[in-house]
């Protein structure tokens, strides 16, 4: 992780980064003491993935306007992660939700999708508030805390769940950290602050994992249903969007509106079409990888 500059603003970011490290350390100690090894592994992978993605995103690039290679890499990162999340949620969470109670599980899935949408909108409303720190980092932290709460509830309800489910769910942390670090770097701000959302998954998941939910089929169906809906919303939200104004087009250096009055319309149009092919291919491959892993374990 790059060392923050010595400006007063970077100093506050540095303190935030140390707060993230402290939160992660506390979660690790709590998980080890309680024997929550799966949640420890999931939280640690989420931390390493986002911190690693942020480190890559903070590295100096040859051109400030971005490159096609960067955009292609971002499309593959988001695509693989979202495809794996969709497949894992469909294969492991949906059966658990409807298996305990088809109706309650179904309502839980619907509630989870809508709740995910509400949280998505609420995160964007942060941009309109006068809050200290970087808004995108606050949004990522809120997102990670919500994901950690749900992951903790899922594994508290059914500790026997496969570890691969949680790992697939947090796989999007690496490309998210990369994209956030690129935005912070372009703004001349320290990227070490991303250690806060990186630690948020473990910081939320481990304490919730200590809870003992009621042994009720209806409760289990509701928990798994809501978790399914939220994770499906997150997975769909992270499907690579290759449109002007999005993270991938910005990484490729495409700015403005790609319409017929643009002198470079044809070039932008063809580049976006190529990026869309990468996006689709990566998402399908991400889902297939989960299927192959499952098939290999059960063959």
C-alpha atoms as a PDB file:
ATOM      1  CA  UNK A   1       0.000   0.000   0.000  1.00  0.00           C
ATOM      2  CA  UNK A   2       1.496   3.365  -0.967  1.00  0.00           C
ATOM      3  CA  UNK A   3       2.631   5.660   1.821  1.00  0.00           C
ATOM      4  CA  UNK A   4       0.358   8.716   2.118  1.00  0.00           C
ATOM      5  CA  UNK A   5       1.821  12.143   1.522  1.00  0.00           C
ATOM      6  CA  UNK A   6       2.519  14.462   4.419  1.00  0.00           C
ATOM      7  CA  UNK A   7      -0.280  16.938   3.742  1.00  0.00           C
ATOM      8  CA  UNK A   8      -2.846  17.509   6.457  1.00  0.00           C
ATOM      9  CA  UNK A   9      -5.542  15.793   4.403  1.00  0.00           C
ATOM     10  CA  UNK A  10      -3.360  12.744   3.782  1.00  0.00           C
ATOM     11  CA  UNK A  11      -2.554  12.663   7.488  1.00  0.00           C
ATOM     12  CA  UNK A  12      -6.234  12.176   8.341  1.00  0.00           C
ATOM     13  CA  UNK A  13      -6.429   9.466   5.697  1.00  0.00           C
ATOM     14  CA  UNK A  14      -3.419   7.797   7.252  1.00  0.00           C
ATOM     15  CA  UNK A  15      -5.189   7.697  10.615  1.00  0.00           C
ATOM     16  CA  UNK A  16      -8.199   6.156   8.880  1.00  0.00           C
ATOM     17  CA  UNK A  17      -5.959   3.528   7.348  1.00  0.00           C
ATOM     18  CA  UNK A  18      -4.557   2.633  10.766  1.00  0.00           C
ATOM     19  CA  UNK A  19      -8.138   2.381  11.992  1.00  0.00           C
ATOM     20  CA  UNK A  20      -8.820  -0.153   9.252  1.00  0.00           C
ATOM     21  CA  UNK A  21      -5.748  -2.153  10.229  1.00  0.00           C
ATOM     22  CA  UNK A  22      -6.846  -2.086  13.868  1.00  0.00           C
ATOM     23  CA  UNK A  23     -10.367  -3.215  12.978  1.00  0.00           C
ATOM     24  CA  UNK A  24      -8.980  -6.098  10.936  1.00  0.00           C
ATOM     25  CA  UNK A  25      -6.628  -7.099  13.745  1.00  0.00           C
ATOM     26  CA  UNK A  26      -9.488  -7.064  16.248  1.00  0.00           C
ATOM     27  CA  UNK A  27     -11.651  -9.201  13.961  1.00  0.00           C
ATOM     28  CA  UNK A  28      -8.808 -11.706  13.527  1.00  0.00           C
ATOM     29  CA  UNK A  29      -8.282 -12.039  17.286  1.00  0.00           C
ATOM     30  CA  UNK A  30     -12.013 -12.443  17.887  1.00  0.00           C
ATOM     31  CA  UNK A  31     -12.375 -15.044  15.132  1.00  0.00           C
ATOM     32  CA  UNK A  32      -9.385 -17.060  16.377  1.00  0.00           C
ATOM     33  CA  UNK A  33     -10.647 -16.960  19.961  1.00  0.00           C
ATOM     34  CA  UNK A  34     -14.117 -18.139  18.910  1.00  0.00           C
ATOM     35  CA  UNK A  35     -12.903 -20.647  16.336  1.00  0.00           C
ATOM     36  CA  UNK A  36     -14.744 -18.952  13.459  1.00  0.00           C
ATOM     37  CA  UNK A  37     -12.250 -20.167  10.884  1.00  0.00           C
ATOM     38  CA  UNK A  38     -14.478 -19.841   7.828  1.00  0.00           C
ATOM     39  CA  UNK A  39     -15.408 -16.255   8.618  1.00  0.00           C
ATOM     40  CA  UNK A  40     -11.749 -15.531   9.351  1.00  0.00           C
ATOM     41  CA  UNK A  41     -10.784 -16.901   5.934  1.00  0.00           C
ATOM     42  CA  UNK A  42     -13.534 -14.964   4.135  1.00  0.00           C
ATOM     43  CA  UNK A  43     -12.748 -11.705   5.927  1.00  0.00           C
ATOM     44  CA  UNK A  44      -9.014 -12.123   5.346  1.00  0.00           C
ATOM     45  CA  UNK A  45      -9.477 -12.814   1.641  1.00  0.00           C
ATOM     46  CA  UNK A  46     -11.733  -9.762   1.335  1.00  0.00           C
ATOM     47  CA  UNK A  47      -9.094  -7.620   3.072  1.00  0.00           C
ATOM     48  CA  UNK A  48      -6.211  -8.921   0.971  1.00  0.00           C
ATOM     49  CA  UNK A  49      -8.213  -8.714  -2.274  1.00  0.00           C
ATOM     50  CA  UNK A  50      -9.264  -5.085  -1.810  1.00  0.00           C
ATOM     51  CA  UNK A  51      -5.871  -4.007  -0.457  1.00  0.00           C
ATOM     52  CA  UNK A  52      -4.129  -5.764  -3.338  1.00  0.00           C
ATOM     53  CA  UNK A  53      -6.479  -4.254  -5.898  1.00  0.00           C
ATOM     54  CA  UNK A  54      -5.923  -0.820  -4.368  1.00  0.00           C
ATOM     55  CA  UNK A  55      -2.151  -1.290  -4.530  1.00  0.00           C
ATOM     56  CA  UNK A  56      -2.361  -2.132  -8.227  1.00  0.00           C
ATOM     57  CA  UNK A  57      -4.700   0.794  -8.878  1.00  0.00           C
ATOM     58  CA  UNK A  58      -2.383   3.219  -7.100  1.00  0.00           C
ATOM     59  CA  UNK A  59       0.620   2.362  -9.262  1.00  0.00           C
ATOM     60  CA  UNK A  60       1.623   5.115 -11.711  1.00  0.00           C
ATOM     61  CA  UNK A  61       0.255   4.584 -15.218  1.00  0.00           C
ATOM     62  CA  UNK A  62       1.941   5.565 -18.442  1.00  0.00           C
ATOM     63  CA  UNK A  63      -0.971   7.750 -19.512  1.00  0.00           C
ATOM     64  CA  UNK A  64      -3.425   9.738 -17.450  1.00  0.00           C
ATOM     65  CA  UNK A  65      -6.137   9.110 -20.001  1.00  0.00           C
ATOM     66  CA  UNK A  66      -6.089   5.367 -19.492  1.00  0.00           C
ATOM     67  CA  UNK A  67      -5.489   2.414 -21.797  1.00  0.00           C
ATOM     68  CA  UNK A  68      -7.531  -0.292 -23.437  1.00  0.00           C
ATOM     69  CA  UNK A  69      -5.540  -2.899 -21.496  1.00  0.00           C
ATOM     70  CA  UNK A  70      -6.584  -1.368 -18.165  1.00  0.00           C
ATOM     71  CA  UNK A  71     -10.231  -1.298 -19.222  1.00  0.00           C
ATOM     72  CA  UNK A  72     -10.050  -4.884 -20.432  1.00  0.00           C
ATOM     73  CA  UNK A  73      -8.488  -5.998 -17.159  1.00  0.00           C
ATOM     74  CA  UNK A  74     -11.174  -4.208 -15.161  1.00  0.00           C
ATOM     75  CA  UNK A  75     -13.909  -5.815 -17.280  1.00  0.00           C
ATOM     76  CA  UNK A  76     -12.431  -9.259 -16.662  1.00  0.00           C
ATOM     77  CA  UNK A  77     -12.038  -8.619 -12.950  1.00  0.00           C
ATOM     78  CA  UNK A  78     -15.626  -7.492 -12.486  1.00  0.00           C
ATOM     79  CA  UNK A  79     -16.959 -10.117 -14.896  1.00  0.00           C
ATOM     80  CA  UNK A  80     -15.245 -13.090 -13.264  1.00  0.00           C
ATOM     81  CA  UNK A  81     -16.299 -11.912  -9.793  1.00  0.00           C
ATOM     82  CA  UNK A  82     -19.936 -11.211 -10.670  1.00  0.00           C
ATOM     83  CA  UNK A  83     -20.283 -14.450 -12.640  1.00  0.00           C
ATOM     84  CA  UNK A  84     -18.894 -16.437  -9.709  1.00  0.00           C
ATOM     85  CA  UNK A  85     -21.247 -14.636  -7.309  1.00  0.00           C
ATOM     86  CA  UNK A  86     -24.306 -15.345  -9.455  1.00  0.00           C
ATOM     87  CA  UNK A  87     -23.445 -19.032  -9.819  1.00  0.00           C
ATOM     88  CA  UNK A  88     -22.597 -19.472  -6.133  1.00  0.00           C
ATOM     89  CA  UNK A  89     -25.730 -17.696  -4.966  1.00  0.00           C
ATOM     90  CA  UNK A  90     -27.900 -19.704  -7.324  1.00  0.00           C
ATOM     91  CA  UNK A  91     -26.334 -23.052  -6.448  1.00  0.00           C
ATOM     92  CA  UNK A  92     -25.820 -22.718  -2.694  1.00  0.00           C
ATOM     93  CA  UNK A  93     -28.100 -20.027  -1.263  1.00  0.00           C
ATOM     94  CA  UNK A  94     -31.341 -20.370  -3.239  1.00  0.00           C
ATOM     95  CA  UNK A  95     -31.732 -24.100  -2.423  1.00  0.00           C
ATOM     96  CA  UNK A  96     -31.161 -23.362   1.263  1.00  0.00           C
ATOM     97  CA  UNK A  97     -33.722 -20.549   1.259  1.00  0.00           C
ATOM     98  CA  UNK A  98     -36.540 -22.413  -0.487  1.00  0.00           C
ATOM     99  CA  UNK A  99     -35.595 -25.743   1.094  1.00  0.00           C
ATOM    100  CA  UNK A 100     -36.536 -24.563   4.568  1.00  0.00           C
ATOM    101  CA  UNK A 101     -39.720 -22.826   3.421  1.00  0.00           C
ATOM    102  CA  UNK A 102     -40.499 -22.155  -0.218  1.00  0.00           C
ATOM    103  CA  UNK A 103     -42.876 -19.232   0.406  1.00  0.00           C
ATOM    104  CA  UNK A 104     -40.925 -17.492   3.171  1.00  0.00           C
ATOM    105  CA  UNK A 105     -37.678 -18.130   1.337  1.00  0.00           C
ATOM    106  CA  UNK A 106     -39.166 -16.659  -1.824  1.00  0.00           C
ATOM    107  CA  UNK A 107     -40.381 -13.572  -0.003  1.00  0.00           C
ATOM    108  CA  UNK A 108     -36.947 -13.314   1.597  1.00  0.00           C
ATOM    109  CA  UNK A 109     -35.263 -13.346  -1.815  1.00  0.00           C
ATOM    110  CA  UNK A 110     -37.585 -10.614  -3.044  1.00  0.00           C
ATOM    111  CA  UNK A 111     -36.972  -8.583   0.110  1.00  0.00           C
ATOM    112  CA  UNK A 112     -33.223  -9.030  -0.290  1.00  0.00           C
ATOM    113  CA  UNK A 113     -33.212  -7.764  -3.868  1.00  0.00           C
ATOM    114  CA  UNK A 114     -35.255  -4.715  -2.878  1.00  0.00           C
ATOM    115  CA  UNK A 115     -33.128  -4.136   0.221  1.00  0.00           C
ATOM    116  CA  UNK A 116     -30.014  -4.286  -1.934  1.00  0.00           C
ATOM    117  CA  UNK A 117     -31.492  -1.645  -4.200  1.00  0.00           C
ATOM    118  CA  UNK A 118     -32.359   0.541  -1.205  1.00  0.00           C
ATOM    119  CA  UNK A 119     -28.804   0.249   0.142  1.00  0.00           C
ATOM    120  CA  UNK A 120     -27.407   1.033  -3.305  1.00  0.00           C
ATOM    121  CA  UNK A 121     -29.433   4.257  -3.508  1.00  0.00           C
ATOM    122  CA  UNK A 122     -28.637   5.157   0.114  1.00  0.00           C
ATOM    123  CA  UNK A 123     -24.911   4.823  -0.569  1.00  0.00           C
ATOM    124  CA  UNK A 124     -25.156   7.241  -3.481  1.00  0.00           C
ATOM    125  CA  UNK A 125     -26.998   9.729  -1.287  1.00  0.00           C
ATOM    126  CA  UNK A 126     -23.790  10.068   0.708  1.00  0.00           C
ATOM    127  CA  UNK A 127     -22.453  12.163  -2.164  1.00  0.00           C
ATOM    128  CA  UNK A 128     -24.964  14.889  -1.282  1.00  0.00           C
ATOM    129  CA  UNK A 129     -23.978  15.095   2.382  1.00  0.00           C
ATOM    130  CA  UNK A 130     -21.158  17.147   3.871  1.00  0.00           C
ATOM    131  CA  UNK A 131     -19.194  14.283   5.336  1.00  0.00           C
ATOM    132  CA  UNK A 132     -15.478  14.071   6.143  1.00  0.00           C
ATOM    133  CA  UNK A 133     -13.342  11.863   3.942  1.00  0.00           C
ATOM    134  CA  UNK A 134     -13.732  10.558   0.427  1.00  0.00           C
ATOM    135  CA  UNK A 135     -17.340   9.819  -0.560  1.00  0.00           C
ATOM    136  CA  UNK A 136     -16.525   6.769  -2.688  1.00  0.00           C
ATOM    137  CA  UNK A 137     -14.562   5.301   0.229  1.00  0.00           C
ATOM    138  CA  UNK A 138     -17.535   5.862   2.541  1.00  0.00           C
ATOM    139  CA  UNK A 139     -19.784   4.131  -0.002  1.00  0.00           C
ATOM    140  CA  UNK A 140     -17.399   1.167  -0.226  1.00  0.00           C
ATOM    141  CA  UNK A 141     -17.236   0.952   3.565  1.00  0.00           C
ATOM    142  CA  UNK A 142     -21.040   0.940   3.896  1.00  0.00           C
ATOM    143  CA  UNK A 143     -21.253  -1.720   1.178  1.00  0.00           C
ATOM    144  CA  UNK A 144     -18.602  -3.883   2.869  1.00  0.00           C
ATOM    145  CA  UNK A 145     -20.228  -3.574   6.287  1.00  0.00           C
ATOM    146  CA  UNK A 146     -23.580  -4.665   4.853  1.00  0.00           C
ATOM    147  CA  UNK A 147     -21.961  -7.611   3.074  1.00  0.00           C
ATOM    148  CA  UNK A 148     -20.162  -8.603   6.282  1.00  0.00           C
ATOM    149  CA  UNK A 149     -23.377  -8.518   8.308  1.00  0.00           C
ATOM    150  CA  UNK A 150     -25.126 -10.782   5.818  1.00  0.00           C
ATOM    151  CA  UNK A 151     -22.180 -13.178   5.494  1.00  0.00           C
ATOM    152  CA  UNK A 152     -21.939 -13.432   9.284  1.00  0.00           C
ATOM    153  CA  UNK A 153     -25.671 -14.155   9.569  1.00  0.00           C
ATOM    154  CA  UNK A 154     -25.534 -16.811   6.859  1.00  0.00           C
ATOM    155  CA  UNK A 155     -22.640 -18.710   8.434  1.00  0.00           C
ATOM    156  CA  UNK A 156     -24.093 -18.330  11.930  1.00  0.00           C
ATOM    157  CA  UNK A 157     -27.322 -19.874  10.676  1.00  0.00           C
ATOM    158  CA  UNK A 158     -25.580 -22.729   8.864  1.00  0.00           C
ATOM    159  CA  UNK A 159     -21.904 -23.150   9.871  1.00  0.00           C
ATOM    160  CA  UNK A 160     -21.559 -26.223   7.628  1.00  0.00           C
ATOM    161  CA  UNK A 161     -21.822 -24.100   4.488  1.00  0.00           C
ATOM    162  CA  UNK A 162     -18.959 -24.504   2.052  1.00  0.00           C
ATOM    163  CA  UNK A 163     -16.171 -21.945   2.400  1.00  0.00           C
ATOM    164  CA  UNK A 164     -16.207 -21.445  -1.393  1.00  0.00           C
ATOM    165  CA  UNK A 165     -19.541 -19.626  -1.159  1.00  0.00           C
ATOM    166  CA  UNK A 166     -18.157 -16.837   1.001  1.00  0.00           C
ATOM    167  CA  UNK A 167     -14.981 -16.565  -1.044  1.00  0.00           C
ATOM    168  CA  UNK A 168     -16.976 -16.210  -4.261  1.00  0.00           C
ATOM    169  CA  UNK A 169     -19.147 -13.528  -2.665  1.00  0.00           C
ATOM    170  CA  UNK A 170     -16.148 -11.345  -1.722  1.00  0.00           C
ATOM    171  CA  UNK A 171     -14.268 -11.943  -4.985  1.00  0.00           C
ATOM    172  CA  UNK A 172     -15.398  -8.567  -6.328  1.00  0.00           C
ATOM    173  CA  UNK A 173     -13.322  -6.745  -3.689  1.00  0.00           C
ATOM    174  CA  UNK A 174     -10.176  -6.825  -5.835  1.00  0.00           C
ATOM    175  CA  UNK A 175     -11.587  -4.984  -8.891  1.00  0.00           C
ATOM    176  CA  UNK A 176     -13.558  -2.657  -6.602  1.00  0.00           C
ATOM    177  CA  UNK A 177     -10.358  -1.733  -4.766  1.00  0.00           C
ATOM    178  CA  UNK A 178      -8.530  -1.201  -8.043  1.00  0.00           C
ATOM    179  CA  UNK A 179     -11.207   1.122  -9.437  1.00  0.00           C
ATOM    180  CA  UNK A 180     -11.458   3.101  -6.196  1.00  0.00           C
ATOM    181  CA  UNK A 181      -7.677   3.515  -6.032  1.00  0.00           C
ATOM    182  CA  UNK A 182      -7.601   4.834  -9.598  1.00  0.00           C
ATOM    183  CA  UNK A 183     -10.205   7.470  -8.680  1.00  0.00           C
ATOM    184  CA  UNK A 184      -8.291   8.502  -5.556  1.00  0.00           C
ATOM    185  CA  UNK A 185      -4.994   8.634  -7.449  1.00  0.00           C
ATOM    186  CA  UNK A 186      -6.450  10.861 -10.144  1.00  0.00           C
ATOM    187  CA  UNK A 187      -7.684  13.193  -7.384  1.00  0.00           C
ATOM    188  CA  UNK A 188      -4.236  13.238  -5.762  1.00  0.00           C
ATOM    189  CA  UNK A 189      -5.467  11.582  -2.561  1.00  0.00           C
ATOM    190  CA  UNK A 190      -3.942   8.769  -0.504  1.00  0.00           C
ATOM    191  CA  UNK A 191      -5.183   5.299  -1.419  1.00  0.00           C
ATOM    192  CA  UNK A 192      -4.272   3.752   1.947  1.00  0.00           C
ATOM    193  CA  UNK A 193      -7.691   4.879   3.218  1.00  0.00           C
ATOM    194  CA  UNK A 194      -9.133   1.900   1.315  1.00  0.00           C
ATOM    195  CA  UNK A 195      -7.876  -0.296   4.145  1.00  0.00           C
ATOM    196  CA  UNK A 196     -11.040   0.786   5.979  1.00  0.00           C
ATOM    197  CA  UNK A 197     -13.566  -0.809   3.582  1.00  0.00           C
ATOM    198  CA  UNK A 198     -11.113  -3.687   3.106  1.00  0.00           C
ATOM    199  CA  UNK A 199     -11.404  -4.516   6.815  1.00  0.00           C
ATOM    200  CA  UNK A 200     -15.143  -3.833   7.068  1.00  0.00           C
ATOM    201  CA  UNK A 201     -16.239  -7.303   5.880  1.00  0.00           C
ATOM    202  CA  UNK A 202     -14.380  -9.106   8.667  1.00  0.00           C
ATOM    203  CA  UNK A 203     -15.203  -6.422  11.238  1.00  0.00           C
ATOM    204  CA  UNK A 204     -18.931  -6.964  10.638  1.00  0.00           C
ATOM    205  CA  UNK A 205     -19.047 -10.685   9.827  1.00  0.00           C
ATOM    206  CA  UNK A 206     -17.119 -12.059  12.821  1.00  0.00           C
ATOM    207  CA  UNK A 207     -19.236 -10.476  15.618  1.00  0.00           C
ATOM    208  CA  UNK A 208     -22.458 -11.505  13.861  1.00  0.00           C
ATOM    209  CA  UNK A 209     -21.054 -15.006  13.464  1.00  0.00           C
ATOM    210  CA  UNK A 210     -20.939 -15.306  17.257  1.00  0.00           C
ATOM    211  CA  UNK A 211     -24.732 -15.064  17.466  1.00  0.00           C
ATOM    212  CA  UNK A 212     -26.879 -18.158  17.874  1.00  0.00           C
ATOM    213  CA  UNK A 213     -30.026 -17.701  15.744  1.00  0.00           C
ATOM    214  CA  UNK A 214     -33.204 -19.615  16.665  1.00  0.00           C
ATOM    215  CA  UNK A 215     -33.326 -23.147  15.279  1.00  0.00           C
ATOM    216  CA  UNK A 216     -36.404 -22.453  13.156  1.00  0.00           C
ATOM    217  CA  UNK A 217     -36.948 -23.407   9.530  1.00  0.00           C
ATOM    218  CA  UNK A 218     -38.817 -20.159   8.944  1.00  0.00           C
ATOM    219  CA  UNK A 219     -35.944 -18.082  10.377  1.00  0.00           C
ATOM    220  CA  UNK A 220     -33.428 -20.000   8.292  1.00  0.00           C
ATOM    221  CA  UNK A 221     -35.515 -19.525   5.161  1.00  0.00           C
ATOM    222  CA  UNK A 222     -35.801 -15.792   5.814  1.00  0.00           C
ATOM    223  CA  UNK A 223     -32.073 -15.342   6.521  1.00  0.00           C
ATOM    224  CA  UNK A 224     -30.992 -17.271   3.453  1.00  0.00           C
ATOM    225  CA  UNK A 225     -33.663 -15.623   1.318  1.00  0.00           C
ATOM    226  CA  UNK A 226     -32.605 -12.096   2.243  1.00  0.00           C
ATOM    227  CA  UNK A 227     -28.939 -13.021   1.812  1.00  0.00           C
ATOM    228  CA  UNK A 228     -29.698 -14.499  -1.606  1.00  0.00           C
ATOM    229  CA  UNK A 229     -31.517 -11.383  -2.767  1.00  0.00           C
ATOM    230  CA  UNK A 230     -28.822  -9.007  -1.527  1.00  0.00           C
ATOM    231  CA  UNK A 231     -25.989 -10.980  -3.087  1.00  0.00           C
ATOM    232  CA  UNK A 232     -27.854 -11.309  -6.385  1.00  0.00           C
ATOM    233  CA  UNK A 233     -28.347  -7.544  -6.436  1.00  0.00           C
ATOM    234  CA  UNK A 234     -24.640  -6.995  -5.713  1.00  0.00           C
ATOM    235  CA  UNK A 235     -23.652  -9.501  -8.397  1.00  0.00           C
ATOM    236  CA  UNK A 236     -25.862  -7.833 -11.013  1.00  0.00           C
ATOM    237  CA  UNK A 237     -24.609  -4.413  -9.924  1.00  0.00           C
ATOM    238  CA  UNK A 238     -21.006  -5.525 -10.496  1.00  0.00           C
ATOM    239  CA  UNK A 239     -21.628  -6.972 -13.955  1.00  0.00           C
ATOM    240  CA  UNK A 240     -19.251  -4.955 -16.181  1.00  0.00           C
ATOM    241  CA  UNK A 241     -21.057  -1.957 -17.683  1.00  0.00           C
ATOM    242  CA  UNK A 242     -19.198  -0.897 -20.823  1.00  0.00           C
ATOM    243  CA  UNK A 243     -20.917   2.435 -21.379  1.00  0.00           C
ATOM    244  CA  UNK A 244     -19.604   5.969 -21.610  1.00  0.00           C
ATOM    245  CA  UNK A 245     -19.348   7.442 -18.128  1.00  0.00           C
ATOM    246  CA  UNK A 246     -18.701   4.128 -16.365  1.00  0.00           C
ATOM    247  CA  UNK A 247     -15.528   2.947 -14.663  1.00  0.00           C
ATOM    248  CA  UNK A 248     -14.480   0.735 -17.571  1.00  0.00           C
ATOM    249  CA  UNK A 249     -14.897   3.428 -20.215  1.00  0.00           C
ATOM    250  CA  UNK A 250     -13.018   5.885 -18.009  1.00  0.00           C
ATOM    251  CA  UNK A 251     -10.191   3.375 -17.601  1.00  0.00           C
ATOM    252  CA  UNK A 252     -10.036   3.187 -21.405  1.00  0.00           C
ATOM    253  CA  UNK A 253      -9.810   6.974 -21.625  1.00  0.00           C
ATOM    254  CA  UNK A 254     -13.244   7.373 -23.213  1.00  0.00           C
ATOM    255  CA  UNK A 255     -14.966  10.569 -22.117  1.00  0.00           C
ATOM    256  CA  UNK A 256     -17.985  12.465 -23.342  1.00  0.00           C
ATOM    257  CA  UNK A 257     -20.999  11.112 -25.168  1.00  0.00           C
ATOM    258  CA  UNK A 258     -20.431   8.553 -27.906  1.00  0.00           C
ATOM    259  CA  UNK A 259     -23.049   9.778 -30.376  1.00  0.00           C
ATOM    260  CA  UNK A 260     -23.023  10.314 -34.125  1.00  0.00           C
ATOM    261  CA  UNK A 261     -21.818  13.931 -33.752  1.00  0.00           C
ATOM    262  CA  UNK A 262     -18.597  12.760 -32.110  1.00  0.00           C
ATOM    263  CA  UNK A 263     -15.610  12.839 -34.490  1.00  0.00           C
ATOM    264  CA  UNK A 264     -14.357   9.630 -32.879  1.00  0.00           C
ATOM    265  CA  UNK A 265     -17.759   7.941 -32.713  1.00  0.00           C
ATOM    266  CA  UNK A 266     -16.804   4.872 -34.765  1.00  0.00           C
ATOM    267  CA  UNK A 267     -13.622   4.254 -32.789  1.00  0.00           C
ATOM    268  CA  UNK A 268     -15.420   4.612 -29.439  1.00  0.00           C
ATOM    269  CA  UNK A 269     -18.285   2.433 -30.616  1.00  0.00           C
ATOM    270  CA  UNK A 270     -15.998  -0.394 -31.753  1.00  0.00           C
ATOM    271  CA  UNK A 271     -13.904  -0.229 -28.580  1.00  0.00           C
ATOM    272  CA  UNK A 272     -16.987  -0.419 -26.373  1.00  0.00           C
ATOM    273  CA  UNK A 273     -18.274  -3.356 -28.419  1.00  0.00           C
ATOM    274  CA  UNK A 274     -14.980  -5.197 -27.889  1.00  0.00           C
ATOM    275  CA  UNK A 275     -15.085  -4.452 -24.175  1.00  0.00           C
ATOM    276  CA  UNK A 276     -18.651  -5.772 -23.988  1.00  0.00           C
ATOM    277  CA  UNK A 277     -17.459  -9.062 -25.481  1.00  0.00           C
ATOM    278  CA  UNK A 278     -14.798  -9.286 -22.779  1.00  0.00           C
ATOM    279  CA  UNK A 279     -17.419  -8.467 -20.147  1.00  0.00           C
ATOM    280  CA  UNK A 280     -19.774 -11.220 -21.295  1.00  0.00           C
ATOM    281  CA  UNK A 281     -16.987 -13.770 -21.689  1.00  0.00           C
ATOM    282  CA  UNK A 282     -15.587 -13.090 -18.231  1.00  0.00           C
ATOM    283  CA  UNK A 283     -18.981 -13.278 -16.506  1.00  0.00           C
ATOM    284  CA  UNK A 284     -19.800 -16.601 -18.193  1.00  0.00           C
ATOM    285  CA  UNK A 285     -16.354 -17.963 -17.334  1.00  0.00           C
ATOM    286  CA  UNK A 286     -16.752 -16.895 -13.702  1.00  0.00           C
ATOM    287  CA  UNK A 287     -19.969 -18.884 -13.435  1.00  0.00           C
ATOM    288  CA  UNK A 288     -18.446 -21.888 -15.218  1.00  0.00           C
ATOM    289  CA  UNK A 289     -15.475 -21.912 -12.844  1.00  0.00           C
ATOM    290  CA  UNK A 290     -17.821 -22.281  -9.875  1.00  0.00           C
ATOM    291  CA  UNK A 291     -19.666 -25.119 -11.638  1.00  0.00           C
ATOM    292  CA  UNK A 292     -16.425 -26.904 -12.512  1.00  0.00           C
ATOM    293  CA  UNK A 293     -15.175 -26.550  -8.927  1.00  0.00           C
ATOM    294  CA  UNK A 294     -18.453 -27.957  -7.590  1.00  0.00           C
ATOM    295  CA  UNK A 295     -18.474 -30.790 -10.119  1.00  0.00           C
ATOM    296  CA  UNK A 296     -14.857 -31.686  -9.289  1.00  0.00           C
ATOM    297  CA  UNK A 297     -15.637 -31.918  -5.577  1.00  0.00           C
ATOM    298  CA  UNK A 298     -18.735 -34.042  -6.109  1.00  0.00           C
ATOM    299  CA  UNK A 299     -17.691 -36.215  -9.071  1.00  0.00           C
END
